[in-house]
Protein backbone atom coordinates (compact mmCIF):
# COMPACT_ATOMS: atom_id res chain seq x y z
CA MET A 1 -0.04 0.10 -0.08
CA ILE A 2 2.88 2.24 0.83
CA ASN A 3 4.36 1.67 -2.65
CA ILE A 4 1.16 2.38 -4.00
CA ILE A 5 1.06 5.62 -2.39
CA LYS A 6 4.57 6.60 -3.43
CA SER A 7 3.82 5.75 -6.95
CA LEU A 8 0.86 8.28 -7.16
CA ASN A 9 2.80 10.84 -5.30
CA TYR A 10 5.95 10.32 -7.94
CA SER A 11 3.46 10.58 -10.76
CA ALA A 12 1.55 13.71 -9.42
CA ARG A 13 4.74 15.60 -8.81
CA ARG A 14 5.43 15.10 -12.55
CA ASP A 15 1.96 15.96 -13.82
CA THR A 16 1.62 19.43 -15.56
CA VAL A 17 -1.96 19.75 -14.88
CA ILE A 18 -1.55 19.06 -11.14
CA TRP A 19 1.49 21.88 -11.19
CA LEU A 20 -0.66 24.18 -12.99
CA THR A 21 -3.77 23.62 -10.58
CA ILE A 22 -1.45 24.35 -7.52
CA ILE A 23 -0.20 27.58 -8.99
CA THR A 24 -3.51 28.71 -9.86
CA LEU A 25 -4.96 27.82 -6.57
CA LEU A 26 -1.89 29.76 -4.80
CA ILE A 27 -2.28 32.96 -6.66
CA SER A 28 -6.05 33.09 -6.42
CA PRO A 29 -6.34 35.11 -3.06
CA LEU A 30 -3.88 37.46 -4.33
CA CYS A 31 -5.95 38.10 -7.47
CA ALA A 32 -9.12 38.46 -5.05
CA LEU A 33 -7.08 40.88 -2.94
CA TYR A 34 -6.06 42.95 -5.93
CA LEU A 35 -9.83 42.88 -7.68
CA SER A 36 -11.44 43.97 -4.26
CA GLY A 37 -9.00 46.85 -3.67
CA MET A 38 -7.32 45.68 -0.78
CA ILE A 39 -3.94 45.67 -2.37
CA ASN A 40 -2.95 49.27 -1.97
CA PRO A 41 -0.17 51.04 -0.54
CA ASP A 42 -2.60 53.48 1.11
CA LEU A 43 -4.72 51.12 2.61
CA GLY A 44 -2.03 49.33 4.32
CA SER A 45 -3.85 48.72 7.67
CA GLU A 46 -6.70 47.21 6.20
CA PHE A 47 -4.47 44.74 4.31
CA THR A 48 -4.71 42.52 7.20
CA SER A 49 -5.54 38.69 8.09
CA SER A 50 -8.52 40.04 10.10
CA MET A 51 -9.99 42.12 7.27
CA TYR A 52 -9.40 39.12 4.75
CA PHE A 53 -11.64 36.88 6.62
CA ALA A 54 -14.23 40.08 7.76
CA SER A 55 -14.47 40.89 4.09
CA ASN A 56 -15.82 37.22 3.06
CA LEU A 57 -12.99 37.26 0.68
CA MET A 58 -11.93 34.15 2.10
CA GLY A 59 -15.18 32.26 1.42
CA THR A 60 -15.28 33.52 -2.03
CA VAL A 61 -11.83 32.48 -2.68
CA PHE A 62 -12.70 28.80 -1.63
CA THR A 63 -14.95 28.73 -4.63
CA PHE A 64 -11.99 28.51 -6.76
CA MET A 65 -10.30 25.68 -4.35
CA THR A 66 -13.38 23.62 -4.69
CA PHE A 67 -12.41 23.13 -8.62
CA GLY A 68 -8.83 22.40 -7.25
CA ILE A 69 -10.22 19.76 -4.94
CA MET A 70 -11.97 18.29 -8.05
CA ILE A 71 -8.83 17.90 -10.11
CA LEU A 72 -6.44 16.86 -7.75
CA THR A 73 -8.75 14.31 -6.29
CA CYS A 74 -9.66 12.76 -9.47
CA LYS A 75 -6.02 12.79 -10.97
CA LEU A 76 -5.08 11.00 -7.82
CA MET A 77 -7.99 8.60 -7.76
CA ALA A 78 -8.19 7.91 -11.41
CA GLY A 79 -5.88 9.56 -13.36
CA ASP A 80 -3.94 6.21 -14.63
CA ALA A 81 -6.93 4.57 -15.17
CA GLY A 82 -6.58 4.95 -18.93
CA ASP A 83 -3.43 3.40 -19.12
CA LYS A 84 -4.04 0.04 -17.15
CA THR A 85 -2.06 0.86 -14.35
CA ILE A 86 -4.48 -0.65 -11.95
CA ASN A 87 -4.01 -3.74 -13.90
CA TYR A 88 -0.47 -3.75 -13.42
CA GLU A 89 -0.96 -3.23 -9.49
CA PHE A 90 -3.28 -6.24 -9.49
CA MET A 91 -0.48 -8.23 -11.24
CA ALA A 92 2.00 -7.01 -8.82
CA GLY A 93 -0.01 -8.92 -6.12
CA HIS A 94 -1.65 -5.99 -4.57
CA SER A 95 -5.32 -6.58 -3.31
CA ARG A 96 -7.86 -4.51 -4.28
CA LYS A 97 -8.42 -3.56 -0.75
CA ARG A 98 -4.88 -1.98 -0.78
CA ILE A 99 -5.11 -0.58 -3.92
CA PHE A 100 -8.14 1.36 -2.71
CA ILE A 101 -7.08 2.55 0.32
CA GLY A 102 -3.64 3.78 -1.28
CA ARG A 103 -5.53 5.54 -3.74
CA THR A 104 -7.85 7.10 -1.27
CA ILE A 105 -5.05 7.99 1.03
CA ALA A 106 -3.18 9.59 -2.01
CA ALA A 107 -6.31 11.35 -3.22
CA PHE A 108 -7.07 12.89 0.39
CA LEU A 109 -3.60 13.92 0.80
CA TRP A 110 -3.48 15.94 -2.27
CA GLY A 111 -7.48 17.06 -2.71
CA ALA A 112 -8.21 17.57 0.87
CA VAL A 113 -4.75 18.19 2.84
CA LEU A 114 -2.82 20.27 0.38
CA VAL A 115 -5.92 22.34 -0.62
CA PHE A 116 -6.73 23.03 3.05
CA ILE A 117 -3.22 24.31 3.60
CA ILE A 118 -3.33 26.63 0.47
CA MET A 119 -6.69 27.97 1.74
CA ILE A 120 -5.18 29.28 5.09
CA LEU A 121 -1.76 30.29 3.46
CA PRO A 122 -3.33 33.91 3.06
CA LEU A 123 -3.98 34.01 6.86
CA GLY A 124 -0.41 33.20 7.27
CA TYR A 125 1.42 35.53 5.23
CA LEU A 126 -0.81 38.75 5.80
CA THR A 127 -0.33 38.19 9.68
CA LEU A 128 3.62 38.19 8.97
CA ILE A 129 3.55 41.36 6.61
CA TYR A 130 0.49 43.60 8.09
CA GLY A 131 -0.41 41.71 11.62
CA TRP A 132 -3.82 40.21 12.49
CA GLY A 133 -6.11 43.41 13.16
CA PRO A 134 -8.73 43.95 15.07
CA GLU A 135 -11.98 42.87 13.27
CA THR A 136 -11.97 39.43 14.22
CA SER A 137 -10.66 36.95 16.69
CA VAL A 138 -7.76 34.91 15.78
CA ASN A 139 -8.62 31.77 17.73
CA GLY A 140 -12.45 32.28 16.30
CA VAL A 141 -11.07 32.48 12.54
CA LEU A 142 -8.45 29.42 13.11
CA PHE A 143 -11.52 27.14 14.65
CA ARG A 144 -13.86 27.96 11.53
CA CYS A 145 -10.97 27.20 9.31
CA PHE A 146 -10.52 23.82 11.46
CA LEU A 147 -14.14 23.25 11.05
CA ALA A 148 -14.20 23.82 7.36
CA LEU A 149 -11.83 20.95 7.13
CA PHE A 150 -14.62 18.40 7.85
CA PRO A 151 -16.66 19.73 4.69
CA ILE A 152 -13.82 19.58 2.81
CA ILE A 153 -13.31 15.67 3.43
CA ARG A 154 -16.65 15.20 2.86
CA PHE A 155 -16.48 16.76 -0.68
CA THR A 156 -13.04 15.18 -1.28
CA ALA A 157 -14.87 11.75 -0.49
CA LEU A 158 -17.77 12.52 -2.97
CA THR A 159 -15.23 13.58 -5.74
CA LEU A 160 -13.16 10.52 -5.22
CA MET A 161 -16.16 8.10 -5.44
CA ILE A 162 -17.58 9.77 -8.66
CA ALA A 163 -14.10 9.42 -10.18
CA SER A 164 -13.71 5.96 -8.96
CA VAL A 165 -17.12 5.10 -10.24
CA SER A 166 -16.64 6.68 -13.72
CA ARG A 167 -13.20 5.16 -14.01
CA GLY A 168 -11.62 8.02 -15.14
CA ALA A 169 -10.15 11.58 -14.31
CA GLY A 170 -11.52 13.48 -17.08
CA LYS A 171 -15.09 11.91 -16.42
CA GLY A 172 -14.88 12.52 -12.81
CA ILE A 173 -13.75 16.01 -13.11
CA ALA A 174 -16.41 16.71 -15.78
CA LEU A 175 -19.29 15.01 -13.84
CA ASN A 176 -18.21 16.53 -10.48
CA TYR A 177 -18.54 19.79 -12.18
CA ALA A 178 -21.97 19.28 -13.34
CA LEU A 179 -22.96 18.16 -9.93
CA TYR A 180 -21.46 21.14 -8.42
CA MET A 181 -23.23 23.74 -10.87
CA VAL A 182 -26.50 21.55 -10.00
CA THR A 183 -26.07 22.03 -6.32
CA ALA A 184 -25.38 25.77 -6.57
CA MET A 185 -28.17 26.21 -8.51
CA VAL A 186 -30.45 24.46 -5.96
CA ALA A 187 -29.10 25.98 -2.96
CA SER A 188 -29.53 29.53 -4.91
CA VAL A 189 -33.39 28.93 -5.75
CA ILE A 190 -33.89 27.43 -2.21
CA GLN A 191 -32.51 30.56 -0.75
CA GLU A 192 -34.22 33.23 -3.00
CA VAL A 193 -37.63 31.52 -3.24
CA LEU A 194 -38.19 29.99 0.23
CA GLU A 195 -35.73 32.42 2.06
CA LYS A 196 -34.14 29.76 3.89
CA ASP A 197 -30.50 29.61 4.58
CA ILE A 198 -28.83 26.15 3.27
CA VAL A 199 -25.91 25.13 5.56
CA TYR A 200 -25.68 21.49 6.09
CA PRO A 201 -27.05 19.69 3.06
CA PHE A 202 -24.38 20.70 0.77
CA SER A 203 -20.60 20.75 1.90
CA MET A 204 -19.99 23.76 -0.02
CA THR A 205 -22.73 25.91 1.65
CA ASN A 206 -21.55 24.60 4.94
CA VAL A 207 -17.79 25.68 4.08
CA ALA A 208 -19.31 29.03 3.09
CA ALA A 209 -21.38 29.41 6.33
CA LEU A 210 -18.04 28.86 8.33
CA LEU A 211 -15.92 31.07 6.20
CA SER A 212 -18.14 34.21 6.40
CA ALA A 213 -18.80 36.67 9.07
CA THR A 214 -22.29 38.12 9.75
CA ASN A 215 -23.06 39.47 13.19
CA SER A 216 -20.82 42.71 13.92
CA ARG A 217 -20.73 45.87 16.11
CA ASN A 218 -19.31 48.99 16.21
CA VAL A 219 -16.36 49.51 18.54
CA VAL A 220 -14.19 52.57 19.44
CA ILE A 221 -10.58 51.34 19.66
CA ASP A 222 -7.94 54.00 20.11
CA GLY A 223 -10.15 56.76 19.03
CA LYS A 224 -11.52 54.69 15.73
CA THR A 225 -14.73 53.40 15.11
CA ILE A 226 -14.29 49.86 14.25
CA THR A 227 -16.77 47.03 12.90
CA VAL A 228 -15.85 43.65 15.05
CA PHE A 229 -17.22 40.76 13.73
CA ASP A 230 -18.15 37.74 15.94
CA THR A 231 -16.44 34.68 14.72
CA ALA A 232 -17.64 32.46 17.89
CA VAL A 233 -19.11 29.14 16.66
CA PRO A 234 -22.77 28.14 18.07
CA GLY A 235 -22.36 24.49 19.57
CA ASP A 236 -24.99 23.05 17.00
CA MET A 237 -22.90 24.62 14.31
CA MET A 238 -19.94 22.57 15.16
CA TRP A 239 -21.55 19.37 16.37
CA LYS A 240 -23.81 19.43 13.17
CA THR A 241 -20.70 20.16 10.78
CA ILE A 242 -18.66 17.47 12.17
CA GLY A 243 -21.36 14.85 12.22
CA VAL A 244 -22.86 15.21 8.86
CA SER A 245 -19.52 15.90 6.99
CA LEU A 246 -18.13 12.21 8.44
CA LEU A 247 -21.30 10.89 7.91
CA CYS A 248 -21.50 11.52 4.38
CA ALA A 249 -17.82 10.91 3.88
CA VAL A 250 -18.17 7.42 5.10
CA ILE A 251 -21.22 6.55 2.95
CA TYR A 252 -19.03 7.80 -0.22
CA LEU A 253 -16.23 6.04 0.73
CA ILE A 254 -18.48 2.82 1.28
CA ILE A 255 -20.02 2.86 -1.88
CA ALA A 256 -16.54 3.74 -3.73
CA TYR A 257 -15.10 0.84 -1.80
CA ILE A 258 -17.98 -1.54 -2.84
CA ASN A 259 -17.75 -0.47 -6.34
CA PHE A 260 -14.26 -0.87 -6.78
CA ILE A 261 -13.84 -4.25 -5.32
CA LYS A 262 -16.99 -5.66 -7.20
CA THR A 263 -16.20 -4.35 -10.40
CA ASP A 264 -13.91 -5.38 -12.79
CA ARG A 265 -11.15 -3.17 -14.15
CA ASP A 266 -10.82 -2.45 -17.69
């Protein structure tokens, strides 16, 4: 199983599409900051990690991160389906169970863990350059980011399942993109027509709720009026995020595993 993970990592490090995806994800926060006008020498005091989160830019940027999850996960899980590599793994004496687990671990490392790290990087380098800022609580924001990892795992598991069942990275990416667009439209219609906030039914709406700040109050600090946002996470939101995400992830992985075990490879 370790050899399978090493082989997939070796191939991924030499995949041009994967590197282009990673580079795009890395520069997307900078593009968002530039387009929003936050990158401005005259507004250095606003160019902080706290303002980055308070302006909801972090949630907006994560929209691009979801496409990165799709590409990286599908490439690691089924990127070599067309060249019969899986058959060679069978011939090398690896069991279907070991092959599936190895590919799943690699897909999660690249699709979930790597994207999560890229997602929180702006908080790190903005803090180093400009400081945190008074608009939000450091602990509150970091805890929200930690909770966002669970819906990310859930979304990665769904992407992995579709890629495995469809037996191809290209087909997996296309199907996941189509499903994502349908999900976004459904959530938008429900919110607009029924005027109900959608949080837990979809992983992306769950992440959006965690990476956005809504409740705020004006506070005078050092003679300046500053809008301070409440980043505390309600108890029910925390447990629902963790519970629903893990439950859905387990269901997706079970479906993918059963399909992988019982279906003959091409």
